[in-house]
N, C-alpha and C. Protein backbone atom coordinates (compact mmCIF):
# COMPACT_ATOMS: atom_id res chain seq x y z
N UNK A 1 24.58 103.77 130.98
CA UNK A 1 23.15 103.27 130.16
C UNK A 1 22.55 104.92 128.89
N UNK A 2 21.71 104.88 128.32
CA UNK A 2 21.61 105.34 127.32
C UNK A 2 20.38 106.53 127.76
N UNK A 3 20.35 107.61 126.60
CA UNK A 3 19.86 109.18 126.54
C UNK A 3 18.36 108.45 126.97
N UNK A 4 18.16 109.73 127.86
CA UNK A 4 16.33 109.30 128.57
C UNK A 4 15.12 109.27 127.44
N UNK A 5 15.31 110.12 126.52
CA UNK A 5 14.93 110.05 124.95
C UNK A 5 15.01 108.96 124.63
N UNK A 6 15.25 107.98 124.38
CA UNK A 6 15.55 106.77 123.83
C UNK A 6 14.59 105.92 125.56
N UNK A 7 13.85 104.39 124.71
CA UNK A 7 13.49 103.22 125.55
C UNK A 7 14.62 102.53 126.59
N UNK A 8 15.11 103.34 127.17
CA UNK A 8 16.08 102.80 127.79
C UNK A 8 16.44 101.70 128.48
N UNK A 9 14.67 100.97 129.17
CA UNK A 9 15.14 99.60 129.45
C UNK A 9 14.95 98.66 128.67
N UNK A 10 14.34 99.02 127.42
CA UNK A 10 13.97 97.83 126.50
C UNK A 10 15.70 97.91 125.36
N UNK A 11 16.49 99.01 125.30
CA UNK A 11 17.70 98.95 124.63
C UNK A 11 18.43 98.37 125.53
N UNK A 12 18.67 98.44 126.89
CA UNK A 12 19.35 97.88 127.69
C UNK A 12 19.20 95.92 127.87
N UNK A 13 17.94 96.13 127.83
CA UNK A 13 17.54 94.52 128.09
C UNK A 13 18.01 93.69 127.05
N UNK A 14 17.83 94.25 125.75
CA UNK A 14 17.96 93.97 124.50
C UNK A 14 19.27 93.95 123.82
N UNK A 15 20.20 94.72 124.92
CA UNK A 15 21.78 94.88 124.24
C UNK A 15 22.30 93.58 124.93
N UNK A 16 21.75 93.34 126.06
CA UNK A 16 22.22 92.34 127.45
C UNK A 16 22.57 91.09 126.94
N UNK A 17 21.19 90.79 125.92
CA UNK A 17 20.69 89.70 125.31
C UNK A 17 21.94 89.62 124.19
N UNK A 18 22.17 90.62 123.34
CA UNK A 18 22.90 90.52 122.49
C UNK A 18 24.11 89.86 122.83
N UNK A 19 24.43 90.97 123.74
CA UNK A 19 26.33 90.60 124.14
C UNK A 19 26.43 88.95 125.19
N UNK A 20 25.17 88.57 125.29
CA UNK A 20 25.50 87.24 125.75
C UNK A 20 25.33 86.07 125.01
N UNK A 21 24.51 86.53 123.68
CA UNK A 21 24.60 85.47 122.49
C UNK A 21 25.43 85.75 121.53
N UNK A 22 25.42 86.47 121.31
CA UNK A 22 26.48 87.28 119.94
C UNK A 22 27.68 88.09 119.55
N UNK A 23 28.60 87.41 119.01
CA UNK A 23 29.95 87.66 119.18
C UNK A 23 30.11 88.99 118.57
N UNK A 24 31.27 89.87 118.62
CA UNK A 24 30.96 91.51 118.05
C UNK A 24 32.06 91.05 116.98
N UNK A 25 32.61 89.90 116.74
CA UNK A 25 32.97 89.50 115.18
C UNK A 25 32.22 89.09 114.37
N UNK A 26 30.81 88.92 114.31
CA UNK A 26 29.60 88.37 113.67
C UNK A 26 28.80 89.36 113.20
N UNK A 27 29.22 89.70 111.84
CA UNK A 27 28.20 90.78 111.02
C UNK A 27 26.90 90.72 111.19
N UNK A 28 25.98 91.58 111.83
CA UNK A 28 24.39 91.94 112.15
C UNK A 28 24.18 92.56 110.71
N UNK A 29 23.09 91.99 110.29
CA UNK A 29 22.29 92.60 109.64
C UNK A 29 20.74 92.81 110.31
N UNK A 30 20.30 94.69 110.31
CA UNK A 30 19.46 95.15 111.11
C UNK A 30 18.78 95.66 109.92
N UNK A 31 17.31 94.60 110.14
CA UNK A 31 16.34 95.20 109.43
C UNK A 31 15.96 96.24 109.55
N UNK A 32 15.90 97.60 108.54
CA UNK A 32 15.15 98.86 108.49
C UNK A 32 16.52 99.21 108.65
N UNK A 33 16.29 101.35 108.60
CA UNK A 33 17.27 101.88 108.43
C UNK A 33 17.75 102.47 109.44
N UNK A 34 18.98 102.78 109.33
CA UNK A 34 20.30 103.12 110.47
C UNK A 34 18.71 103.79 111.64
N UNK A 35 18.83 102.98 112.73
CA UNK A 35 18.54 103.80 113.99
C UNK A 35 18.60 103.98 115.22
N UNK A 36 18.29 104.71 116.40
CA UNK A 36 18.87 104.17 117.60
C UNK A 36 19.54 103.21 118.00
N UNK A 37 18.95 101.72 117.95
CA UNK A 37 19.70 100.76 118.45
C UNK A 37 20.65 100.26 117.64
N UNK A 38 20.48 100.16 116.32
CA UNK A 38 21.44 100.27 115.49
C UNK A 38 23.01 100.97 115.83
N UNK A 39 23.04 102.36 116.32
CA UNK A 39 23.86 102.72 116.96
C UNK A 39 24.40 102.47 117.83
N UNK A 40 23.44 101.95 118.96
CA UNK A 40 24.14 101.32 120.28
C UNK A 40 24.96 100.19 119.73
N UNK A 41 24.60 99.02 119.12
CA UNK A 41 25.07 98.10 118.74
C UNK A 41 26.27 98.34 117.83
N UNK A 42 26.65 99.33 117.12
CA UNK A 42 27.67 99.60 116.88
C UNK A 42 29.08 100.25 117.80
N UNK A 43 27.93 101.34 118.67
CA UNK A 43 29.05 101.97 119.95
C UNK A 43 29.34 100.79 120.67
N UNK A 44 28.90 99.33 120.80
CA UNK A 44 29.36 98.42 121.20
C UNK A 44 30.40 97.23 120.72
N UNK A 45 31.06 97.90 119.46
CA UNK A 45 31.75 96.85 118.78
C UNK A 45 31.31 96.02 117.82
N UNK A 46 29.72 95.99 117.39
CA UNK A 46 29.36 95.05 116.72
C UNK A 46 29.26 96.10 115.06
N UNK A 47 29.67 95.05 114.19
CA UNK A 47 29.08 95.99 112.60
C UNK A 47 27.98 95.42 112.55
N UNK A 48 27.31 96.37 111.71
CA UNK A 48 26.06 96.70 111.55
C UNK A 48 25.73 96.95 110.10
N UNK A 49 24.73 96.16 109.05
CA UNK A 49 24.37 96.41 108.30
C UNK A 49 22.86 96.47 108.05
N UNK A 50 22.50 98.15 107.70
CA UNK A 50 21.26 98.11 107.57
C UNK A 50 20.22 98.41 105.93
N UNK A 51 19.31 98.17 105.84
CA UNK A 51 18.34 98.37 104.94
C UNK A 51 18.55 99.82 104.56
N UNK A 52 17.98 100.08 103.06
CA UNK A 52 18.39 101.32 102.91
C UNK A 52 17.14 102.36 102.53
N UNK A 53 16.23 101.75 103.48
CA UNK A 53 14.30 102.17 102.90
C UNK A 53 13.69 101.50 102.32
N UNK A 54 14.57 100.20 101.46
CA UNK A 54 13.29 100.20 100.13
C UNK A 54 12.33 99.01 100.67
N UNK A 55 11.17 98.78 99.88
CA UNK A 55 9.76 98.21 100.70
C UNK A 55 10.74 96.87 100.50
N UNK A 56 10.71 96.37 101.42
CA UNK A 56 10.82 94.64 101.69
C UNK A 56 9.98 93.99 101.32
N UNK A 57 8.85 94.31 101.28
CA UNK A 57 7.53 93.16 100.72
C UNK A 57 7.69 92.78 100.01
N UNK A 58 8.46 94.05 98.80
CA UNK A 58 8.50 93.59 97.52
C UNK A 58 9.99 93.53 96.71
N UNK A 59 10.81 93.69 97.50
CA UNK A 59 12.40 93.64 97.52
C UNK A 59 13.06 93.04 98.31
N UNK A 60 13.79 92.17 98.43
CA UNK A 60 14.55 91.36 99.26
C UNK A 60 15.94 91.35 98.72
N UNK A 61 16.31 91.81 97.92
CA UNK A 61 17.82 91.70 97.36
C UNK A 61 18.67 92.03 98.41
N UNK A 62 18.36 93.10 99.58
CA UNK A 62 19.53 93.26 100.44
C UNK A 62 19.29 92.30 100.98
N UNK A 63 18.63 91.82 101.64
CA UNK A 63 18.64 90.48 102.58
C UNK A 63 19.75 89.33 101.39
N UNK A 64 19.00 88.57 100.55
CA UNK A 64 20.04 88.23 99.66
C UNK A 64 21.64 88.29 98.97
N UNK A 65 21.84 89.60 99.27
CA UNK A 65 22.87 90.08 98.54
C UNK A 65 24.22 90.19 99.38
N UNK A 66 23.69 90.50 100.97
CA UNK A 66 24.77 90.92 102.30
C UNK A 66 25.25 89.66 102.88
N UNK A 67 26.73 89.90 103.20
CA UNK A 67 27.38 89.12 103.78
C UNK A 67 26.81 89.25 105.06
N UNK A 68 26.48 88.54 106.27
CA UNK A 68 26.03 88.49 107.58
C UNK A 68 25.79 87.27 108.04
N UNK A 69 25.97 87.37 109.53
CA UNK A 69 26.10 86.00 110.40
C UNK A 69 24.88 85.94 110.90
N UNK A 70 24.24 87.02 111.42
CA UNK A 70 23.07 87.38 112.23
C UNK A 70 22.03 88.38 111.69
N UNK A 71 20.83 87.94 112.11
CA UNK A 71 19.56 89.01 111.50
C UNK A 71 18.84 89.15 112.30
N UNK A 72 18.78 90.84 112.62
CA UNK A 72 17.89 91.18 113.55
C UNK A 72 16.71 91.96 113.13
N UNK A 73 15.89 91.75 113.75
CA UNK A 73 14.18 92.63 113.46
C UNK A 73 13.80 93.12 115.01
N UNK A 74 14.40 94.49 115.08
CA UNK A 74 13.60 94.58 116.59
C UNK A 74 12.44 95.84 116.39
N UNK A 75 11.22 95.39 116.65
CA UNK A 75 9.91 96.30 116.66
C UNK A 75 10.11 96.57 115.47
N UNK A 76 9.93 95.37 114.34
CA UNK A 76 9.22 95.86 112.94
C UNK A 76 8.68 95.42 112.04
N UNK A 77 8.45 93.86 112.58
CA UNK A 77 7.81 92.82 111.91
C UNK A 77 6.46 93.08 111.58
N UNK A 78 5.94 93.93 112.73
CA UNK A 78 4.10 94.20 112.56
C UNK A 78 3.97 95.50 111.46
N UNK A 79 5.49 96.27 110.98
CA UNK A 79 4.69 96.82 109.91
C UNK A 79 5.14 96.11 108.67
N UNK A 80 5.04 95.33 108.33
CA UNK A 80 5.38 94.64 107.09
C UNK A 80 4.37 94.01 106.97
N UNK A 81 4.09 94.21 105.86
CA UNK A 81 2.10 93.47 104.94
C UNK A 81 3.30 91.79 105.03
N UNK A 82 4.07 91.47 104.65
CA UNK A 82 4.49 89.99 104.90
C UNK A 82 5.85 89.39 105.25
N UNK A 83 5.55 89.73 106.51
CA UNK A 83 6.90 89.21 107.19
C UNK A 83 7.51 87.79 106.61
N UNK A 84 6.61 86.89 106.26
CA UNK A 84 6.91 86.02 106.67
C UNK A 84 8.10 85.74 104.92
N UNK A 85 8.02 86.68 103.61
CA UNK A 85 8.72 86.85 102.71
C UNK A 85 9.98 87.30 103.06
N UNK A 86 9.96 88.41 103.92
CA UNK A 86 11.52 88.83 104.33
C UNK A 86 12.43 87.56 105.54
N UNK A 87 11.47 86.50 106.01
CA UNK A 87 12.28 85.77 106.81
C UNK A 87 12.68 84.71 105.79
N UNK A 88 11.96 84.21 104.54
CA UNK A 88 12.39 83.43 103.54
C UNK A 88 13.86 84.02 103.30
N UNK A 89 13.86 85.05 103.25
CA UNK A 89 15.06 85.34 102.22
C UNK A 89 16.49 85.55 103.42
N UNK A 90 15.94 85.43 104.92
CA UNK A 90 17.18 85.47 105.59
C UNK A 90 18.01 84.98 105.05
N UNK A 91 19.66 85.02 105.26
CA UNK A 91 20.83 84.00 104.81
C UNK A 91 21.56 83.19 105.79
N UNK A 92 21.12 83.20 107.26
CA UNK A 92 21.78 83.42 108.01
C UNK A 92 21.62 82.15 108.86
N UNK A 93 22.19 81.71 110.37
CA UNK A 93 21.35 81.07 110.96
C UNK A 93 21.10 81.53 112.34
N UNK A 94 21.43 82.98 112.50
CA UNK A 94 21.08 83.67 113.98
C UNK A 94 20.33 84.36 113.78
N UNK A 95 18.80 84.44 114.32
CA UNK A 95 17.59 85.49 113.81
C UNK A 95 17.36 85.77 114.94
N UNK A 96 17.62 86.84 115.62
CA UNK A 96 16.94 87.67 117.11
C UNK A 96 15.64 88.83 116.33
N UNK A 97 14.46 88.70 116.87
CA UNK A 97 13.61 89.48 116.63
C UNK A 97 12.73 89.88 117.36
N UNK A 98 12.40 91.11 117.86
CA UNK A 98 11.37 91.17 119.00
C UNK A 98 10.32 91.94 118.51
N UNK A 99 8.79 91.96 118.66
CA UNK A 99 7.58 92.19 118.32
C UNK A 99 6.94 92.80 119.44
N UNK A 100 6.32 93.87 119.71
CA UNK A 100 5.09 94.39 120.79
C UNK A 100 3.90 93.06 120.78
N UNK A 101 3.83 92.63 122.11
CA UNK A 101 2.94 91.65 122.44
C UNK A 101 1.55 92.28 122.53
N UNK A 102 1.74 93.12 123.14
CA UNK A 102 0.52 94.25 123.31
C UNK A 102 0.80 95.73 123.26
N UNK A 103 -0.02 96.40 122.33
CA UNK A 103 0.04 97.14 121.78
C UNK A 103 -0.54 98.26 122.54
N UNK A 104 -0.20 98.63 123.91
CA UNK A 104 -0.51 99.57 125.01
C UNK A 104 -0.09 100.80 124.20
N UNK A 105 1.20 100.77 123.91
CA UNK A 105 2.04 102.13 123.04
C UNK A 105 1.25 102.62 121.85
N UNK A 106 0.05 101.98 121.50
CA UNK A 106 0.24 101.99 119.59
C UNK A 106 -0.46 103.60 119.40
N UNK A 107 -0.96 104.17 120.55
CA UNK A 107 -1.04 105.83 119.89
C UNK A 107 0.18 106.36 119.29
N UNK A 108 1.16 105.79 119.87
CA UNK A 108 2.38 106.51 119.52
C UNK A 108 3.11 106.28 117.84
N UNK A 109 2.30 105.41 117.73
CA UNK A 109 2.65 104.76 115.60
C UNK A 109 1.32 105.07 115.25
N UNK A 110 0.45 106.34 115.94
CA UNK A 110 -0.31 106.43 114.60
C UNK A 110 0.10 107.90 114.00
N UNK A 111 -0.62 108.06 113.12
CA UNK A 111 -0.01 109.00 111.74
C UNK A 111 -0.91 109.95 112.28
N UNK A 112 0.20 111.40 112.29
CA UNK A 112 -0.53 112.22 112.59
C UNK A 112 -1.44 113.27 111.37
N UNK A 113 -1.33 112.45 110.30
CA UNK A 113 -1.73 113.31 108.98
C UNK A 113 -2.88 112.25 108.89
N UNK A 114 -2.89 111.14 109.05
CA UNK A 114 -4.01 110.09 108.73
C UNK A 114 -4.93 109.31 109.88
N UNK A 115 -5.56 108.67 109.30
CA UNK A 115 -6.18 108.05 110.70
C UNK A 115 -6.01 106.95 110.93
N UNK A 116 -4.72 106.36 110.19
CA UNK A 116 -4.90 104.80 109.88
C UNK A 116 -3.26 104.51 110.86
N UNK A 117 -3.47 103.15 111.54
CA UNK A 117 -2.69 102.89 112.02
C UNK A 117 -1.30 102.46 111.64
N UNK A 118 -0.05 102.03 111.75
CA UNK A 118 0.98 102.21 111.06
C UNK A 118 1.66 100.64 110.96
N UNK A 119 0.82 100.07 112.32
CA UNK A 119 0.91 98.37 112.01
C UNK A 119 -0.10 97.82 111.27
N UNK A 120 0.39 96.32 110.74
CA UNK A 120 -0.07 96.20 109.66
C UNK A 120 -1.04 94.67 110.44
N UNK A 121 0.25 94.06 111.39
CA UNK A 121 -0.13 93.14 112.05
C UNK A 121 -0.31 93.15 113.65
N UNK A 122 -0.86 92.55 114.60
CA UNK A 122 -0.81 92.68 115.75
C UNK A 122 -0.70 90.94 116.27
N UNK A 123 0.71 90.65 116.79
CA UNK A 123 1.38 89.72 116.48
C UNK A 123 1.60 88.83 118.31
């Protein structure tokens, strides 16, 4: 299992789901910069491509030009201004997305330097 500093229950459930439905031979395009869960996927034999921090609301080039069989977006779509544009540019048949249904944890995402919530959408 994973370090206590990470949300290990969520990571373990997501990894179990991934192992059940996605082969390690399939390349995963994981939306967002490298993160603790993309590292976990790599540690479990998956080849993972991440974005480089570009503004995906305005530039979907990375999605259009990469070669991948699976697209993942874990806990990130609520941070995009226009998630539809991102989905419209996904070039594969397998899409795994998770979003918070209740933002009971939203104080963790509040900016420490301003009064704005970092979520654009509650889905």
